[in-house]
């Protein structure tokens, strides 16, 4: 999905990776066990790879941008299996992952219906009992300014519980803090 120049520079910076490793991922995943096989939808430049590998034995990333997918393969080698594809139509089998995560990328999915397709795909590739979790930014002025010229369709946190439940998720939790929200849900089953 489209990102402006400033946004691309920030997302590939060491500062963003530190922020992700020390703040975003720990807050979004607090108290969650990712199990043995995690999938990250939209890893972008790979800021979350190190933090996620500390939580799961294997990590796969589905990245829509071919250049970013190639960069992930080059930078992370054996730490991350990279699949170039769309998170709303993943070329992956059903029931493959113990967890699916996504961080600060849902707003780059170009419409609410495509976001719902991504949620449905997360459910499809999860094993029964698996967790879907992540975070995204709140629709506030600084967030909008950062995304001028980007694909930017914010997810209202007030709607995500109903949207995930409609798709089939259970045990849904949504929390907000200053400029972001986190969510977590489970695929039914044992």
N, C-alpha and C. Protein backbone atom coordinates (compact mmCIF):
# COMPACT_ATOMS: atom_id res chain seq x y z
N UNK A 1 0.83 -1.17 0.00
CA UNK A 1 0.00 0.00 0.00
C UNK A 1 0.89 1.24 0.00
N UNK A 2 0.41 2.33 -0.53
CA UNK A 2 1.22 3.51 -0.72
C UNK A 2 1.63 4.21 0.57
N UNK A 3 2.90 4.60 0.62
CA UNK A 3 3.41 5.40 1.74
C UNK A 3 4.20 6.57 1.15
N UNK A 4 4.06 7.74 1.74
CA UNK A 4 4.81 8.89 1.28
C UNK A 4 6.29 8.75 1.67
N UNK A 5 7.12 9.63 1.13
CA UNK A 5 8.56 9.55 1.34
C UNK A 5 8.94 9.61 2.82
N UNK A 6 8.41 10.59 3.55
CA UNK A 6 8.72 10.73 4.98
C UNK A 6 8.34 9.47 5.76
N UNK A 7 7.19 8.93 5.43
CA UNK A 7 6.71 7.72 6.09
C UNK A 7 7.65 6.54 5.83
N UNK A 8 8.09 6.40 4.57
CA UNK A 8 9.03 5.31 4.23
C UNK A 8 10.34 5.47 4.99
N UNK A 9 10.85 6.70 5.06
CA UNK A 9 12.10 6.94 5.79
C UNK A 9 11.94 6.56 7.26
N UNK A 10 10.86 6.99 7.88
CA UNK A 10 10.63 6.66 9.29
C UNK A 10 10.52 5.15 9.50
N UNK A 11 9.74 4.48 8.66
CA UNK A 11 9.48 3.05 8.88
C UNK A 11 10.71 2.16 8.67
N UNK A 12 11.72 2.65 7.97
CA UNK A 12 12.93 1.84 7.80
C UNK A 12 14.07 2.30 8.72
N UNK A 13 13.76 3.21 9.63
CA UNK A 13 14.80 3.76 10.51
C UNK A 13 15.04 2.89 11.74
N UNK A 14 16.24 3.05 12.30
CA UNK A 14 16.58 2.37 13.56
C UNK A 14 15.70 2.88 14.70
N UNK A 15 15.32 4.14 14.65
CA UNK A 15 14.43 4.71 15.66
C UNK A 15 13.09 3.98 15.67
N UNK A 16 12.51 3.73 14.50
CA UNK A 16 11.23 3.03 14.43
C UNK A 16 11.37 1.59 14.92
N UNK A 17 12.47 0.94 14.55
CA UNK A 17 12.67 -0.43 15.01
C UNK A 17 12.78 -0.47 16.54
N UNK A 18 13.52 0.45 17.14
CA UNK A 18 13.61 0.51 18.60
C UNK A 18 12.25 0.76 19.23
N UNK A 19 11.49 1.68 18.65
CA UNK A 19 10.15 1.98 19.16
C UNK A 19 9.27 0.73 19.09
N UNK A 20 9.36 0.03 17.99
CA UNK A 20 8.55 -1.17 17.82
C UNK A 20 8.95 -2.26 18.82
N UNK A 21 10.25 -2.49 18.93
CA UNK A 21 10.76 -3.55 19.82
C UNK A 21 10.49 -3.24 21.29
N UNK A 22 10.65 -2.00 21.67
CA UNK A 22 10.53 -1.64 23.10
C UNK A 22 9.13 -1.21 23.53
N UNK A 23 8.32 -0.71 22.59
CA UNK A 23 7.01 -0.17 22.99
C UNK A 23 5.83 -0.84 22.29
N UNK A 24 5.81 -0.82 20.97
CA UNK A 24 4.62 -1.26 20.23
C UNK A 24 4.34 -2.74 20.44
N UNK A 25 5.31 -3.60 20.11
CA UNK A 25 5.09 -5.05 20.22
C UNK A 25 4.85 -5.48 21.66
N UNK A 26 5.65 -5.03 22.65
CA UNK A 26 5.37 -5.46 24.03
C UNK A 26 3.97 -5.06 24.51
N UNK A 27 3.53 -3.85 24.18
CA UNK A 27 2.20 -3.43 24.61
C UNK A 27 1.11 -4.23 23.89
N UNK A 28 1.24 -4.37 22.58
CA UNK A 28 0.21 -5.07 21.81
C UNK A 28 0.09 -6.53 22.21
N UNK A 29 1.20 -7.15 22.59
CA UNK A 29 1.20 -8.59 22.86
C UNK A 29 1.32 -8.93 24.35
N UNK A 30 1.22 -7.96 25.23
CA UNK A 30 1.36 -8.21 26.67
C UNK A 30 0.45 -9.35 27.12
N UNK A 31 1.05 -10.34 27.75
CA UNK A 31 0.30 -11.46 28.29
C UNK A 31 -0.12 -12.51 27.29
N UNK A 32 0.27 -12.37 26.03
CA UNK A 32 -0.12 -13.35 25.01
C UNK A 32 1.02 -14.30 24.70
N UNK A 33 0.67 -15.54 24.45
CA UNK A 33 1.62 -16.56 23.98
C UNK A 33 1.36 -16.74 22.49
N UNK A 34 2.37 -16.51 21.67
CA UNK A 34 2.22 -16.65 20.22
C UNK A 34 2.33 -18.09 19.74
N UNK A 35 2.71 -18.99 20.63
CA UNK A 35 2.83 -20.39 20.23
C UNK A 35 4.07 -20.63 19.39
N UNK A 36 4.06 -21.72 18.64
CA UNK A 36 5.27 -22.14 17.93
C UNK A 36 5.42 -21.54 16.54
N UNK A 37 4.33 -21.05 15.95
CA UNK A 37 4.38 -20.61 14.56
C UNK A 37 3.57 -19.34 14.37
N UNK A 38 4.27 -18.21 14.23
CA UNK A 38 3.60 -16.91 14.11
C UNK A 38 3.67 -16.41 12.67
N UNK A 39 2.64 -15.67 12.29
CA UNK A 39 2.57 -15.01 10.99
C UNK A 39 2.39 -13.52 11.24
N UNK A 40 3.24 -12.70 10.61
CA UNK A 40 3.03 -11.25 10.63
C UNK A 40 2.51 -10.81 9.27
N UNK A 41 1.36 -10.17 9.26
CA UNK A 41 0.82 -9.60 8.03
C UNK A 41 1.37 -8.18 7.90
N UNK A 42 2.00 -7.91 6.77
CA UNK A 42 2.51 -6.57 6.51
C UNK A 42 3.74 -6.19 7.31
N UNK A 43 4.80 -7.00 7.27
CA UNK A 43 6.00 -6.65 8.05
C UNK A 43 6.76 -5.44 7.52
N UNK A 44 6.46 -4.99 6.31
CA UNK A 44 7.11 -3.79 5.79
C UNK A 44 8.61 -3.92 5.71
N UNK A 45 9.32 -3.07 6.45
CA UNK A 45 10.79 -3.10 6.46
C UNK A 45 11.35 -4.06 7.50
N UNK A 46 10.49 -4.69 8.31
CA UNK A 46 10.94 -5.71 9.26
C UNK A 46 11.23 -5.22 10.66
N UNK A 47 10.66 -4.11 11.06
CA UNK A 47 10.93 -3.55 12.38
C UNK A 47 10.55 -4.49 13.52
N UNK A 48 9.59 -5.39 13.29
CA UNK A 48 9.09 -6.25 14.36
C UNK A 48 9.73 -7.63 14.41
N UNK A 49 10.55 -7.95 13.43
CA UNK A 49 11.08 -9.32 13.30
C UNK A 49 11.83 -9.76 14.56
N UNK A 50 12.73 -8.94 15.04
CA UNK A 50 13.53 -9.33 16.22
C UNK A 50 12.63 -9.57 17.43
N UNK A 51 11.68 -8.68 17.67
CA UNK A 51 10.79 -8.83 18.82
C UNK A 51 9.90 -10.06 18.68
N UNK A 52 9.44 -10.35 17.48
CA UNK A 52 8.56 -11.50 17.28
C UNK A 52 9.32 -12.82 17.35
N UNK A 53 10.54 -12.84 16.85
CA UNK A 53 11.33 -14.08 16.92
C UNK A 53 11.65 -14.45 18.37
N UNK A 54 11.67 -13.49 19.26
CA UNK A 54 11.89 -13.78 20.68
C UNK A 54 10.65 -14.44 21.30
N UNK A 55 9.51 -14.38 20.60
CA UNK A 55 8.24 -14.89 21.12
C UNK A 55 7.74 -16.14 20.41
N UNK A 56 8.31 -16.50 19.26
CA UNK A 56 7.82 -17.65 18.50
C UNK A 56 8.99 -18.38 17.85
N UNK A 57 8.91 -19.69 17.80
CA UNK A 57 10.00 -20.50 17.22
C UNK A 57 10.16 -20.25 15.73
N UNK A 58 9.05 -20.10 15.02
CA UNK A 58 9.13 -19.79 13.59
C UNK A 58 8.27 -18.58 13.29
N UNK A 59 8.71 -17.80 12.31
CA UNK A 59 8.02 -16.58 11.94
C UNK A 59 7.94 -16.49 10.43
N UNK A 60 6.73 -16.24 9.94
CA UNK A 60 6.48 -16.02 8.52
C UNK A 60 5.94 -14.60 8.37
N UNK A 61 6.29 -13.94 7.28
CA UNK A 61 5.75 -12.62 6.99
C UNK A 61 5.12 -12.61 5.62
N UNK A 62 3.91 -12.07 5.52
CA UNK A 62 3.25 -11.87 4.23
C UNK A 62 3.34 -10.38 3.92
N UNK A 63 4.04 -10.05 2.85
CA UNK A 63 4.27 -8.66 2.47
C UNK A 63 3.78 -8.43 1.04
N UNK A 64 2.92 -7.43 0.86
CA UNK A 64 2.32 -7.16 -0.45
C UNK A 64 3.29 -6.50 -1.42
N UNK A 65 4.21 -5.69 -0.93
CA UNK A 65 5.13 -4.94 -1.79
C UNK A 65 6.32 -5.83 -2.19
N UNK A 66 6.50 -6.10 -3.48
CA UNK A 66 7.59 -6.99 -3.91
C UNK A 66 8.98 -6.50 -3.50
N UNK A 67 9.21 -5.19 -3.54
CA UNK A 67 10.52 -4.66 -3.14
C UNK A 67 10.75 -4.85 -1.65
N UNK A 68 9.73 -4.59 -0.84
CA UNK A 68 9.88 -4.80 0.60
C UNK A 68 10.06 -6.28 0.91
N UNK A 69 9.35 -7.15 0.20
CA UNK A 69 9.51 -8.60 0.41
C UNK A 69 10.94 -9.02 0.10
N UNK A 70 11.50 -8.52 -0.98
CA UNK A 70 12.89 -8.85 -1.33
C UNK A 70 13.85 -8.33 -0.27
N UNK A 71 13.61 -7.12 0.22
CA UNK A 71 14.45 -6.56 1.28
C UNK A 71 14.37 -7.37 2.56
N UNK A 72 13.18 -7.84 2.90
CA UNK A 72 13.03 -8.68 4.09
C UNK A 72 13.82 -9.98 3.95
N UNK A 73 13.76 -10.59 2.77
CA UNK A 73 14.52 -11.83 2.54
C UNK A 73 16.01 -11.58 2.69
N UNK A 74 16.47 -10.48 2.13
CA UNK A 74 17.89 -10.14 2.18
C UNK A 74 18.34 -9.82 3.61
N UNK A 75 17.54 -9.05 4.32
CA UNK A 75 17.93 -8.58 5.66
C UNK A 75 17.77 -9.65 6.73
N UNK A 76 16.74 -10.47 6.63
CA UNK A 76 16.42 -11.37 7.73
C UNK A 76 16.68 -12.85 7.46
N UNK A 77 17.00 -13.21 6.22
CA UNK A 77 17.41 -14.57 5.90
C UNK A 77 16.58 -15.65 6.55
N UNK A 78 17.23 -16.45 7.37
CA UNK A 78 16.58 -17.61 8.00
C UNK A 78 15.68 -17.25 9.17
N UNK A 79 15.74 -16.04 9.68
CA UNK A 79 14.89 -15.65 10.81
C UNK A 79 13.44 -15.44 10.42
N UNK A 80 13.18 -15.22 9.12
CA UNK A 80 11.85 -14.89 8.65
C UNK A 80 11.60 -15.55 7.30
N UNK A 81 10.57 -16.38 7.23
CA UNK A 81 10.12 -16.91 5.93
C UNK A 81 9.22 -15.82 5.33
N UNK A 82 9.57 -15.34 4.16
CA UNK A 82 8.84 -14.25 3.53
C UNK A 82 7.99 -14.79 2.39
N UNK A 83 6.71 -14.43 2.42
CA UNK A 83 5.78 -14.76 1.35
C UNK A 83 5.31 -13.45 0.75
N UNK A 84 5.55 -13.25 -0.54
CA UNK A 84 5.07 -12.03 -1.19
C UNK A 84 3.61 -12.28 -1.55
N UNK A 85 2.72 -11.45 -0.99
CA UNK A 85 1.30 -11.63 -1.24
C UNK A 85 0.48 -10.62 -0.47
N UNK A 86 -0.80 -10.66 -0.72
CA UNK A 86 -1.77 -9.74 -0.14
C UNK A 86 -2.35 -10.35 1.13
N UNK A 87 -2.33 -9.61 2.23
CA UNK A 87 -2.88 -10.11 3.49
C UNK A 87 -4.37 -10.38 3.42
N UNK A 88 -5.05 -9.81 2.44
CA UNK A 88 -6.49 -10.04 2.27
C UNK A 88 -6.78 -11.22 1.35
N UNK A 89 -5.74 -11.87 0.84
CA UNK A 89 -5.88 -13.05 -0.03
C UNK A 89 -4.57 -13.83 0.05
N UNK A 90 -4.26 -14.37 1.21
CA UNK A 90 -2.95 -14.97 1.45
C UNK A 90 -2.79 -16.32 0.75
N UNK A 91 -1.64 -16.50 0.12
CA UNK A 91 -1.35 -17.79 -0.53
C UNK A 91 -0.79 -18.79 0.48
N UNK A 92 -1.57 -19.05 1.52
CA UNK A 92 -1.14 -19.93 2.60
C UNK A 92 -2.27 -20.90 2.93
N UNK A 93 -1.92 -22.09 3.43
CA UNK A 93 -2.96 -23.07 3.76
C UNK A 93 -3.72 -22.72 5.04
N UNK A 94 -4.89 -23.30 5.18
CA UNK A 94 -5.70 -23.13 6.38
C UNK A 94 -5.01 -23.76 7.58
N UNK A 95 -5.30 -23.23 8.76
CA UNK A 95 -4.88 -23.82 10.04
C UNK A 95 -3.37 -23.97 10.19
N UNK A 96 -2.59 -23.10 9.59
CA UNK A 96 -1.13 -23.27 9.62
C UNK A 96 -0.45 -22.61 10.83
N UNK A 97 -1.03 -21.55 11.40
CA UNK A 97 -0.32 -20.75 12.38
C UNK A 97 -0.99 -20.77 13.75
N UNK A 98 -0.15 -20.73 14.78
CA UNK A 98 -0.65 -20.63 16.16
C UNK A 98 -1.02 -19.18 16.49
N UNK A 99 -0.47 -18.22 15.74
CA UNK A 99 -0.80 -16.81 15.95
C UNK A 99 -0.62 -16.03 14.65
N UNK A 100 -1.40 -14.98 14.53
CA UNK A 100 -1.29 -14.03 13.43
C UNK A 100 -1.27 -12.64 14.06
N UNK A 101 -0.32 -11.80 13.62
CA UNK A 101 -0.18 -10.46 14.18
C UNK A 101 -0.03 -9.44 13.06
N UNK A 102 -0.38 -8.21 13.36
CA UNK A 102 -0.11 -7.10 12.46
C UNK A 102 0.00 -5.82 13.28
N UNK A 103 0.95 -4.99 12.91
CA UNK A 103 1.24 -3.78 13.68
C UNK A 103 1.29 -2.56 12.76
N UNK A 104 0.56 -1.54 13.10
CA UNK A 104 0.57 -0.24 12.43
C UNK A 104 0.49 -0.35 10.91
N UNK A 105 -0.32 -1.30 10.42
CA UNK A 105 -0.46 -1.43 8.97
C UNK A 105 -1.90 -1.49 8.50
N UNK A 106 -2.85 -1.75 9.39
CA UNK A 106 -4.24 -1.91 8.95
C UNK A 106 -4.75 -0.67 8.21
N UNK A 107 -4.31 0.51 8.62
CA UNK A 107 -4.77 1.74 7.98
C UNK A 107 -4.26 1.88 6.54
N UNK A 108 -3.31 1.05 6.14
CA UNK A 108 -2.82 1.06 4.75
C UNK A 108 -3.63 0.14 3.84
N UNK A 109 -4.54 -0.63 4.41
CA UNK A 109 -5.43 -1.46 3.61
C UNK A 109 -6.51 -0.51 3.07
N UNK A 110 -6.75 -0.52 1.75
CA UNK A 110 -7.45 0.60 1.11
C UNK A 110 -8.95 0.76 1.36
N UNK A 111 -9.60 -0.14 2.07
CA UNK A 111 -11.03 0.04 2.35
C UNK A 111 -11.43 -0.83 3.54
N UNK A 112 -12.51 -0.48 4.23
CA UNK A 112 -12.99 -1.33 5.31
C UNK A 112 -13.32 -2.75 4.84
N UNK A 113 -13.84 -2.89 3.62
CA UNK A 113 -14.16 -4.24 3.14
C UNK A 113 -12.89 -5.07 2.94
N UNK A 114 -11.81 -4.45 2.46
CA UNK A 114 -10.54 -5.17 2.32
C UNK A 114 -9.95 -5.48 3.70
N UNK A 115 -10.12 -4.57 4.65
CA UNK A 115 -9.67 -4.86 6.02
C UNK A 115 -10.41 -6.07 6.56
N UNK A 116 -11.73 -6.15 6.32
CA UNK A 116 -12.50 -7.31 6.77
C UNK A 116 -12.03 -8.59 6.08
N UNK A 117 -11.64 -8.48 4.82
CA UNK A 117 -11.09 -9.65 4.11
C UNK A 117 -9.78 -10.09 4.76
N UNK A 118 -8.96 -9.13 5.17
CA UNK A 118 -7.73 -9.46 5.88
C UNK A 118 -8.05 -10.16 7.20
N UNK A 119 -9.03 -9.66 7.94
CA UNK A 119 -9.43 -10.31 9.19
C UNK A 119 -9.90 -11.75 8.93
N UNK A 120 -10.67 -11.94 7.86
CA UNK A 120 -11.15 -13.28 7.52
C UNK A 120 -10.00 -14.21 7.15
N UNK A 121 -9.01 -13.68 6.46
CA UNK A 121 -7.84 -14.48 6.10
C UNK A 121 -7.04 -14.86 7.35
N UNK A 122 -6.93 -13.92 8.29
CA UNK A 122 -6.24 -14.23 9.55
C UNK A 122 -6.94 -15.40 10.24
N UNK A 123 -8.26 -15.37 10.28
CA UNK A 123 -9.02 -16.47 10.88
C UNK A 123 -8.77 -17.77 10.14
N UNK A 124 -8.77 -17.72 8.83
CA UNK A 124 -8.60 -18.93 8.00
C UNK A 124 -7.25 -19.61 8.24
N UNK A 125 -6.18 -18.83 8.34
CA UNK A 125 -4.86 -19.44 8.46
C UNK A 125 -4.50 -19.80 9.91
N UNK A 126 -5.30 -19.34 10.87
CA UNK A 126 -5.07 -19.70 12.27
C UNK A 126 -5.54 -21.12 12.57
N UNK A 127 -4.81 -21.76 13.46
CA UNK A 127 -5.27 -23.04 14.01
C UNK A 127 -6.40 -22.76 15.00
N UNK A 128 -7.27 -23.73 15.24
CA UNK A 128 -8.28 -23.55 16.29
C UNK A 128 -7.61 -23.18 17.62
N UNK A 129 -8.15 -22.17 18.28
CA UNK A 129 -7.58 -21.69 19.53
C UNK A 129 -6.47 -20.67 19.34
N UNK A 130 -6.05 -20.42 18.09
CA UNK A 130 -4.98 -19.48 17.82
C UNK A 130 -5.39 -18.05 18.06
N UNK A 131 -4.40 -17.19 18.25
CA UNK A 131 -4.64 -15.79 18.59
C UNK A 131 -4.31 -14.88 17.40
N UNK A 132 -5.16 -13.87 17.22
CA UNK A 132 -4.95 -12.79 16.25
C UNK A 132 -4.82 -11.52 17.07
N UNK A 133 -3.70 -10.81 16.90
CA UNK A 133 -3.44 -9.63 17.74
C UNK A 133 -2.65 -8.60 16.96
N UNK A 134 -2.75 -7.36 17.43
CA UNK A 134 -1.96 -6.31 16.81
C UNK A 134 -2.33 -4.95 17.34
N UNK A 135 -1.89 -3.95 16.59
CA UNK A 135 -2.15 -2.57 16.98
C UNK A 135 -2.20 -1.69 15.75
N UNK A 136 -2.78 -0.52 15.93
CA UNK A 136 -2.81 0.47 14.85
C UNK A 136 -2.99 1.85 15.48
N UNK A 137 -2.80 2.87 14.68
CA UNK A 137 -2.92 4.23 15.17
C UNK A 137 -4.35 4.71 15.23
N UNK A 138 -4.58 5.66 16.13
CA UNK A 138 -5.88 6.30 16.23
C UNK A 138 -5.96 7.46 15.23
N UNK A 139 -7.14 7.70 14.72
CA UNK A 139 -7.37 8.73 13.73
C UNK A 139 -7.36 10.10 14.40
N UNK A 140 -6.15 10.67 14.50
CA UNK A 140 -5.94 11.98 15.11
C UNK A 140 -5.14 12.84 14.15
N UNK A 141 -5.09 14.14 14.38
CA UNK A 141 -4.42 15.06 13.46
C UNK A 141 -2.96 14.67 13.18
N UNK A 142 -2.11 14.39 14.18
CA UNK A 142 -0.73 14.01 13.86
C UNK A 142 -0.65 12.75 12.98
N UNK A 143 -1.54 11.80 13.24
CA UNK A 143 -1.60 10.58 12.43
C UNK A 143 -1.94 10.92 10.98
N UNK A 144 -2.94 11.77 10.79
CA UNK A 144 -3.34 12.17 9.43
C UNK A 144 -2.22 12.94 8.72
N UNK A 145 -1.53 13.82 9.44
CA UNK A 145 -0.43 14.57 8.83
C UNK A 145 0.70 13.65 8.38
N UNK A 146 1.01 12.64 9.17
CA UNK A 146 2.05 11.67 8.80
C UNK A 146 1.68 10.92 7.53
N UNK A 147 0.40 10.81 7.26
CA UNK A 147 -0.08 10.00 6.15
C UNK A 147 -0.55 10.80 4.93
N UNK A 148 -0.22 12.08 4.86
CA UNK A 148 -0.59 12.86 3.69
C UNK A 148 0.03 12.21 2.46
N UNK A 149 -0.81 11.90 1.48
CA UNK A 149 -0.32 11.26 0.26
C UNK A 149 -0.24 9.74 0.34
N UNK A 150 -0.53 9.18 1.50
CA UNK A 150 -0.53 7.72 1.68
C UNK A 150 -1.91 7.15 1.41
N UNK A 151 -1.97 5.85 1.27
CA UNK A 151 -3.22 5.13 1.45
C UNK A 151 -3.45 5.14 2.95
N UNK A 152 -4.55 5.72 3.40
CA UNK A 152 -4.80 5.84 4.83
C UNK A 152 -6.29 5.72 5.11
N UNK A 153 -6.69 4.54 5.60
CA UNK A 153 -8.08 4.27 5.97
C UNK A 153 -8.07 3.79 7.42
N UNK A 154 -8.12 4.73 8.38
CA UNK A 154 -8.04 4.33 9.78
C UNK A 154 -9.16 3.35 10.18
N UNK A 155 -8.80 2.47 11.09
CA UNK A 155 -9.75 1.51 11.64
C UNK A 155 -10.30 2.10 12.94
N UNK A 156 -11.58 2.41 13.00
CA UNK A 156 -12.13 2.91 14.26
C UNK A 156 -12.14 1.79 15.31
N UNK A 157 -11.43 1.96 16.42
CA UNK A 157 -11.40 0.89 17.41
C UNK A 157 -12.78 0.54 17.95
N UNK A 158 -13.72 1.49 17.88
CA UNK A 158 -15.08 1.23 18.36
C UNK A 158 -15.81 0.21 17.49
N UNK A 159 -15.32 -0.04 16.28
CA UNK A 159 -15.99 -0.97 15.37
C UNK A 159 -15.32 -2.33 15.27
N UNK A 160 -14.10 -2.44 15.76
CA UNK A 160 -13.33 -3.66 15.48
C UNK A 160 -13.89 -4.89 16.20
N UNK A 161 -14.45 -4.72 17.38
CA UNK A 161 -15.01 -5.87 18.09
C UNK A 161 -16.12 -6.51 17.27
N UNK A 162 -17.06 -5.70 16.80
CA UNK A 162 -18.17 -6.23 16.00
C UNK A 162 -17.67 -6.82 14.69
N UNK A 163 -16.71 -6.19 14.06
CA UNK A 163 -16.18 -6.68 12.78
C UNK A 163 -15.50 -8.03 12.95
N UNK A 164 -14.69 -8.17 13.98
CA UNK A 164 -14.01 -9.45 14.22
C UNK A 164 -15.01 -10.54 14.62
N UNK A 165 -15.99 -10.20 15.43
CA UNK A 165 -17.01 -11.18 15.85
C UNK A 165 -17.81 -11.65 14.64
N UNK A 166 -18.18 -10.75 13.75
CA UNK A 166 -18.94 -11.10 12.55
C UNK A 166 -18.17 -12.12 11.70
N UNK A 167 -16.86 -12.02 11.68
CA UNK A 167 -16.04 -12.92 10.89
C UNK A 167 -15.89 -14.28 11.56
N UNK A 168 -16.05 -14.32 12.90
CA UNK A 168 -15.98 -15.60 13.60
C UNK A 168 -15.03 -15.64 14.77
N UNK A 169 -14.35 -14.54 15.07
CA UNK A 169 -13.45 -14.51 16.21
C UNK A 169 -14.23 -14.44 17.52
N UNK A 170 -13.61 -14.93 18.59
CA UNK A 170 -14.18 -14.84 19.94
C UNK A 170 -13.14 -14.24 20.87
N UNK A 171 -13.52 -14.06 22.13
CA UNK A 171 -12.61 -13.54 23.16
C UNK A 171 -11.91 -12.26 22.70
N UNK A 172 -12.65 -11.36 22.15
CA UNK A 172 -12.11 -10.14 21.56
C UNK A 172 -11.90 -9.08 22.64
N UNK A 173 -10.73 -8.47 22.63
CA UNK A 173 -10.40 -7.38 23.54
C UNK A 173 -9.81 -6.23 22.74
N UNK A 174 -10.20 -5.02 23.06
CA UNK A 174 -9.66 -3.83 22.42
C UNK A 174 -9.34 -2.82 23.52
N UNK A 175 -8.13 -2.25 23.46
CA UNK A 175 -7.70 -1.25 24.43
C UNK A 175 -7.11 -0.07 23.67
N UNK A 176 -7.32 1.13 24.19
CA UNK A 176 -6.75 2.34 23.60
C UNK A 176 -5.76 2.97 24.58
N UNK A 177 -4.78 3.64 24.00
CA UNK A 177 -3.92 4.53 24.77
C UNK A 177 -3.70 5.78 23.92
N UNK A 178 -2.85 6.66 24.32
CA UNK A 178 -2.72 7.99 23.72
C UNK A 178 -3.00 8.08 22.23
N UNK A 179 -2.21 7.40 21.42
CA UNK A 179 -2.34 7.56 19.97
C UNK A 179 -2.56 6.25 19.23
N UNK A 180 -2.82 5.18 19.97
CA UNK A 180 -2.99 3.89 19.30
C UNK A 180 -3.98 3.00 20.04
N UNK A 181 -4.31 1.90 19.40
CA UNK A 181 -5.14 0.89 20.04
C UNK A 181 -4.55 -0.48 19.74
N UNK A 182 -4.86 -1.42 20.61
CA UNK A 182 -4.45 -2.80 20.39
C UNK A 182 -5.70 -3.67 20.40
N UNK A 183 -5.58 -4.80 19.75
CA UNK A 183 -6.69 -5.74 19.72
C UNK A 183 -6.13 -7.15 19.84
N UNK A 184 -6.96 -8.05 20.33
CA UNK A 184 -6.62 -9.46 20.36
C UNK A 184 -7.91 -10.25 20.30
N UNK A 185 -7.86 -11.39 19.65
CA UNK A 185 -9.04 -12.23 19.47
C UNK A 185 -8.55 -13.66 19.25
N UNK A 186 -9.47 -14.61 19.38
CA UNK A 186 -9.12 -16.02 19.19
C UNK A 186 -10.00 -16.67 18.14
N UNK A 187 -9.40 -17.62 17.45
CA UNK A 187 -10.20 -18.49 16.59
C UNK A 187 -10.82 -19.54 17.51
N UNK A 188 -12.13 -19.76 17.40
CA UNK A 188 -12.76 -20.77 18.28
C UNK A 188 -12.15 -22.14 18.10
N UNK A 189 -12.21 -22.92 19.14
CA UNK A 189 -11.68 -24.29 19.11
C UNK A 189 -10.62 -24.48 20.15
N UNK A 190 -10.11 -25.71 20.21
CA UNK A 190 -9.13 -26.01 21.26
C UNK A 190 -7.71 -25.92 20.78
